[in-house]
Structure formats: C-alpha cells, structure tokens
Amino acid sequence: MATTSSSPLAFVAQRCPRCHQGRVFETSAFSPRFQQMHTSCPACGLHYEPEPGFYWGAMYISYAFSMAIVVAVGIAVFVLGHDPEAWVYILAVTLTTILLVPLSFRYSRMVMLYLFAGFDYDPAVAAEVASRPTAAPPLPAPELVG
C-alpha cells in the first residue's frame, strides 16, 4: 500500500516518514525477525537512525504501551470475568503482553521515528519516488555446466 499524502495511515502501515512509501521494517510483525529494520528507506534513501543509540528512547514508549495493555486487560478481565481469582489476571495480562511484544516494539520505534527524528512528509520526494519506473525483475542465475 503506497500512500501519497500526509496521513496517519503511513504511520499505521509502518512506512517512511518522509516519502510514506518505503517500508521501515524488513519483515512482517509475525516473523521471528520482527525487530529487523532497514537502515535506510528502500524508496527514498532516508537514513532511519539519525544518531547512534537513537532508539533507546523507544524503551520508555514501549513501557508506556505495556502499562496500557496491563491496565486494559486487567479492566477487561474484571468486567468480563466478574472479578475472578488472581491467577486469571496474571495469566491474561502475561499472555496478552507477550503476544503484543512485536507490535509494541515496532510502534514504539515508529513513534520515535515520526515524532523525535525531525523528519517531515515531503510531497516532492513522494512524487519523485512514485514517478520512478518499477524495477526490472532480476535476471535468472546462469546455469553451471559441470
């Protein structure tokens, strides 16, 4: 999904903050390598790490996401389970938090990239990227005659 306007959909789709077209992460959030980021935008070339250690601040954002998950799940268990035993709370909160780690990790980095890196959406860059011809398919590997 390539977006060509400044919209929150680029954030949700985890796209480059400058062109809104290049992917920030290399794989799906459901992949075992969910944390692998591109070093630069594959579409416009924007370097995603403005300074060494930039994403350390994402730990605080991830902590806030985790606390929101704990509170939301705790309230949901209380309301839907009519105040069950403590082990139900512990199990529900633990499982939900662990299952949402990939999303929490990715979106905490996206918040850092969009809010604190100083990159703004540039319609000129987005138009230039969109006007490029698509890359030709790779040539097949030559057959080795033995």
C-alpha atoms as a PDB file:
ATOM      1  CA  MET A   1       0.000   0.000   0.000  1.00  0.00           C
ATOM      2  CA  ALA A   2       1.733   3.163  -1.150  1.00  0.00           C
ATOM      3  CA  THR A   3       0.359   6.364   0.252  1.00  0.00           C
ATOM      4  CA  THR A   4       0.975   9.638  -1.499  1.00  0.00           C
ATOM      5  CA  SER A   5      -0.352  12.085   1.061  1.00  0.00           C
ATOM      6  CA  SER A   6       0.485  13.021   4.608  1.00  0.00           C
ATOM      7  CA  SER A   7      -1.807  10.779   6.599  1.00  0.00           C
ATOM      8  CA  PRO A   8      -1.797   8.690   9.752  1.00  0.00           C
ATOM      9  CA  LEU A   9      -2.125   5.604   7.550  1.00  0.00           C
ATOM     10  CA  ALA A  10       1.590   5.784   6.762  1.00  0.00           C
ATOM     11  CA  PHE A  11       2.337   5.534  10.482  1.00  0.00           C
ATOM     12  CA  VAL A  12      -0.040   2.607  10.948  1.00  0.00           C
ATOM     13  CA  ALA A  13       1.375   0.866   7.849  1.00  0.00           C
ATOM     14  CA  GLN A  14       4.914   1.468   9.215  1.00  0.00           C
ATOM     15  CA  ARG A  15       6.128   3.468   6.217  1.00  0.00           C
ATOM     16  CA  CYS A  16       8.931   6.008   5.840  1.00  0.00           C
ATOM     17  CA  PRO A  17       8.123   9.377   7.485  1.00  0.00           C
ATOM     18  CA  ARG A  18       9.480  11.334   4.506  1.00  0.00           C
ATOM     19  CA  CYS A  19       8.008   9.589   1.442  1.00  0.00           C
ATOM     20  CA  HIS A  20       5.318   7.393   3.103  1.00  0.00           C
ATOM     21  CA  GLN A  21       6.143   4.632   0.624  1.00  0.00           C
ATOM     22  CA  GLY A  22       9.217   2.699   1.784  1.00  0.00           C
ATOM     23  CA  ARG A  23       8.858   0.078   4.483  1.00  0.00           C
ATOM     24  CA  VAL A  24      10.632   0.712   7.792  1.00  0.00           C
ATOM     25  CA  PHE A  25      10.844  -2.947   8.825  1.00  0.00           C
ATOM     26  CA  GLU A  26      12.245  -5.773   6.714  1.00  0.00           C
ATOM     27  CA  THR A  27       9.753  -8.481   7.676  1.00  0.00           C
ATOM     28  CA  SER A  28       6.228  -8.943   8.957  1.00  0.00           C
ATOM     29  CA  ALA A  29       5.403  -8.362  12.608  1.00  0.00           C
ATOM     30  CA  PHE A  30       4.562 -12.061  12.816  1.00  0.00           C
ATOM     31  CA  SER A  31       8.016 -13.144  11.672  1.00  0.00           C
ATOM     32  CA  PRO A  32      10.620 -14.371  14.183  1.00  0.00           C
ATOM     33  CA  ARG A  33      12.795 -11.485  12.916  1.00  0.00           C
ATOM     34  CA  PHE A  34      10.111  -8.850  13.626  1.00  0.00           C
ATOM     35  CA  GLN A  35      12.706  -6.394  15.017  1.00  0.00           C
ATOM     36  CA  GLN A  36      14.834  -6.094  11.840  1.00  0.00           C
ATOM     37  CA  MET A  37      14.714  -2.551  10.432  1.00  0.00           C
ATOM     38  CA  HIS A  38      16.033  -1.306   7.130  1.00  0.00           C
ATOM     39  CA  THR A  39      18.983   1.044   7.691  1.00  0.00           C
ATOM     40  CA  SER A  40      17.599   3.385   5.024  1.00  0.00           C
ATOM     41  CA  CYS A  41      14.290   3.790   3.232  1.00  0.00           C
ATOM     42  CA  PRO A  42      14.195   1.467   0.213  1.00  0.00           C
ATOM     43  CA  ALA A  43      12.201   4.074  -1.734  1.00  0.00           C
ATOM     44  CA  CYS A  44      13.777   7.481  -0.970  1.00  0.00           C
ATOM     45  CA  GLY A  45      17.016   6.569   0.829  1.00  0.00           C
ATOM     46  CA  LEU A  46      16.254   8.343   4.135  1.00  0.00           C
ATOM     47  CA  HIS A  47      18.589   7.031   6.855  1.00  0.00           C
ATOM     48  CA  TYR A  48      16.363   5.776   9.689  1.00  0.00           C
ATOM     49  CA  GLU A  49      18.832   6.247  12.547  1.00  0.00           C
ATOM     50  CA  PRO A  50      19.588   9.976  12.910  1.00  0.00           C
ATOM     51  CA  GLU A  51      22.188   9.345  15.621  1.00  0.00           C
ATOM     52  CA  PRO A  52      23.746   6.334  17.366  1.00  0.00           C
ATOM     53  CA  GLY A  53      21.516   4.990  20.126  1.00  0.00           C
ATOM     54  CA  PHE A  54      18.510   6.956  18.876  1.00  0.00           C
ATOM     55  CA  TYR A  55      16.046   4.141  19.542  1.00  0.00           C
ATOM     56  CA  TRP A  56      16.987   3.714  23.198  1.00  0.00           C
ATOM     57  CA  GLY A  57      14.218   6.212  23.953  1.00  0.00           C
ATOM     58  CA  ALA A  58      11.746   3.769  22.422  1.00  0.00           C
ATOM     59  CA  MET A  59      12.125   1.647  25.563  1.00  0.00           C
ATOM     60  CA  TYR A  60      10.192   4.262  27.545  1.00  0.00           C
ATOM     61  CA  ILE A  61       7.457   4.373  24.912  1.00  0.00           C
ATOM     62  CA  SER A  62       7.296   0.568  24.878  1.00  0.00           C
ATOM     63  CA  TYR A  63       6.983   0.611  28.682  1.00  0.00           C
ATOM     64  CA  ALA A  64       4.032   3.011  28.378  1.00  0.00           C
ATOM     65  CA  PHE A  65       2.414   0.728  25.786  1.00  0.00           C
ATOM     66  CA  SER A  66       2.926  -2.268  28.090  1.00  0.00           C
ATOM     67  CA  MET A  67       1.371  -0.475  31.046  1.00  0.00           C
ATOM     68  CA  ALA A  68      -1.628   0.498  28.907  1.00  0.00           C
ATOM     69  CA  ILE A  69      -2.003  -3.154  27.894  1.00  0.00           C
ATOM     70  CA  VAL A  70      -1.800  -4.292  31.538  1.00  0.00           C
ATOM     71  CA  VAL A  71      -4.458  -1.793  32.640  1.00  0.00           C
ATOM     72  CA  ALA A  72      -6.776  -2.501  29.681  1.00  0.00           C
ATOM     73  CA  VAL A  73      -6.547  -6.278  30.075  1.00  0.00           C
ATOM     74  CA  GLY A  74      -6.959  -6.010  33.854  1.00  0.00           C
ATOM     75  CA  ILE A  75     -10.126  -3.959  33.464  1.00  0.00           C
ATOM     76  CA  ALA A  76     -11.455  -6.288  30.735  1.00  0.00           C
ATOM     77  CA  VAL A  77     -10.850  -9.358  32.912  1.00  0.00           C
ATOM     78  CA  PHE A  78     -12.533  -7.653  35.871  1.00  0.00           C
ATOM     79  CA  VAL A  79     -15.611  -6.663  33.869  1.00  0.00           C
ATOM     80  CA  LEU A  80     -15.956  -9.786  31.723  1.00  0.00           C
ATOM     81  CA  GLY A  81     -14.897 -12.281  34.391  1.00  0.00           C
ATOM     82  CA  HIS A  82     -16.801 -10.663  37.281  1.00  0.00           C
ATOM     83  CA  ASP A  83     -13.655 -10.259  39.391  1.00  0.00           C
ATOM     84  CA  PRO A  84     -12.080 -13.723  39.058  1.00  0.00           C
ATOM     85  CA  GLU A  85      -9.180 -15.102  41.077  1.00  0.00           C
ATOM     86  CA  ALA A  86      -5.730 -13.518  40.912  1.00  0.00           C
ATOM     87  CA  TRP A  87      -4.223 -16.235  38.700  1.00  0.00           C
ATOM     88  CA  VAL A  88      -6.696 -15.338  35.933  1.00  0.00           C
ATOM     89  CA  TYR A  89      -5.491 -11.737  35.960  1.00  0.00           C
ATOM     90  CA  ILE A  90      -1.853 -12.810  35.948  1.00  0.00           C
ATOM     91  CA  LEU A  91      -2.344 -15.294  33.115  1.00  0.00           C
ATOM     92  CA  ALA A  92      -4.395 -12.923  30.947  1.00  0.00           C
ATOM     93  CA  VAL A  93      -2.034  -9.982  31.394  1.00  0.00           C
ATOM     94  CA  THR A  94       1.092 -12.081  30.868  1.00  0.00           C
ATOM     95  CA  LEU A  95      -0.156 -13.803  27.712  1.00  0.00           C
ATOM     96  CA  THR A  96      -1.529 -10.619  26.168  1.00  0.00           C
ATOM     97  CA  THR A  97       1.637  -8.657  26.885  1.00  0.00           C
ATOM     98  CA  ILE A  98       3.859 -11.377  25.425  1.00  0.00           C
ATOM     99  CA  LEU A  99       1.686 -11.747  22.325  1.00  0.00           C
ATOM    100  CA  LEU A 100       1.743  -7.992  21.697  1.00  0.00           C
ATOM    101  CA  VAL A 101       5.532  -7.580  22.093  1.00  0.00           C
ATOM    102  CA  PRO A 102       6.166  -7.362  18.317  1.00  0.00           C
ATOM    103  CA  LEU A 103       3.583  -4.615  17.864  1.00  0.00           C
ATOM    104  CA  SER A 104       4.705  -2.747  20.967  1.00  0.00           C
ATOM    105  CA  PHE A 105       8.334  -2.900  19.807  1.00  0.00           C
ATOM    106  CA  ARG A 106       7.551  -1.726  16.280  1.00  0.00           C
ATOM    107  CA  TYR A 107       5.162   1.070  17.176  1.00  0.00           C
ATOM    108  CA  SER A 108       7.417   2.418  19.915  1.00  0.00           C
ATOM    109  CA  ARG A 109      10.140   2.763  17.267  1.00  0.00           C
ATOM    110  CA  MET A 110       7.660   4.323  14.847  1.00  0.00           C
ATOM    111  CA  VAL A 111       6.695   6.916  17.476  1.00  0.00           C
ATOM    112  CA  MET A 112      10.385   7.742  17.936  1.00  0.00           C
ATOM    113  CA  LEU A 113      10.913   7.997  14.181  1.00  0.00           C
ATOM    114  CA  TYR A 114       7.832  10.101  13.464  1.00  0.00           C
ATOM    115  CA  LEU A 115       7.894  12.408  16.491  1.00  0.00           C
ATOM    116  CA  PHE A 116      11.510  12.802  17.551  1.00  0.00           C
ATOM    117  CA  ALA A 117      13.708  12.250  14.473  1.00  0.00           C
ATOM    118  CA  GLY A 118      12.832  15.557  12.819  1.00  0.00           C
ATOM    119  CA  PHE A 119      11.682  14.047   9.502  1.00  0.00           C
ATOM    120  CA  ASP A 120       8.608  15.523   7.878  1.00  0.00           C
ATOM    121  CA  TYR A 121       6.499  14.289   4.994  1.00  0.00           C
ATOM    122  CA  ASP A 122       7.804  15.785   1.747  1.00  0.00           C
ATOM    123  CA  PRO A 123       5.301  15.664  -1.134  1.00  0.00           C
ATOM    124  CA  ALA A 124       8.068  16.402  -3.660  1.00  0.00           C
ATOM    125  CA  VAL A 125      10.055  13.352  -2.544  1.00  0.00           C
ATOM    126  CA  ALA A 126       6.907  11.223  -2.529  1.00  0.00           C
ATOM    127  CA  ALA A 127       6.029  12.352  -6.069  1.00  0.00           C
ATOM    128  CA  GLU A 128       9.574  11.662  -7.274  1.00  0.00           C
ATOM    129  CA  VAL A 129       9.542   8.175  -5.745  1.00  0.00           C
ATOM    130  CA  ALA A 130       6.096   7.443  -7.191  1.00  0.00           C
ATOM    131  CA  SER A 131       7.176   8.550 -10.684  1.00  0.00           C
ATOM    132  CA  ARG A 132      10.143   6.160 -10.835  1.00  0.00           C
ATOM    133  CA  PRO A 133       9.676   3.154 -13.073  1.00  0.00           C
ATOM    134  CA  THR A 134       9.356  -0.115 -11.245  1.00  0.00           C
ATOM    135  CA  ALA A 135      12.495  -2.153 -11.016  1.00  0.00           C
ATOM    136  CA  ALA A 136      13.044  -4.816 -13.650  1.00  0.00           C
ATOM    137  CA  PRO A 137      12.815  -8.381 -12.401  1.00  0.00           C
ATOM    138  CA  PRO A 138      16.177  -9.918 -11.592  1.00  0.00           C
ATOM    139  CA  LEU A 139      17.852 -11.965 -14.271  1.00  0.00           C
ATOM    140  CA  PRO A 140      17.846 -15.708 -13.747  1.00  0.00           C
ATOM    141  CA  ALA A 141      21.036 -17.221 -12.400  1.00  0.00           C
ATOM    142  CA  PRO A 142      23.250 -18.715 -15.110  1.00  0.00           C
ATOM    143  CA  GLU A 143      23.241 -22.461 -15.273  1.00  0.00           C
ATOM    144  CA  LEU A 144      26.534 -24.061 -14.422  1.00  0.00           C
ATOM    145  CA  VAL A 145      27.671 -26.761 -16.786  1.00  0.00           C
ATOM    146  CA  GLY A 146      29.714 -29.247 -14.937  1.00  0.00           C
END
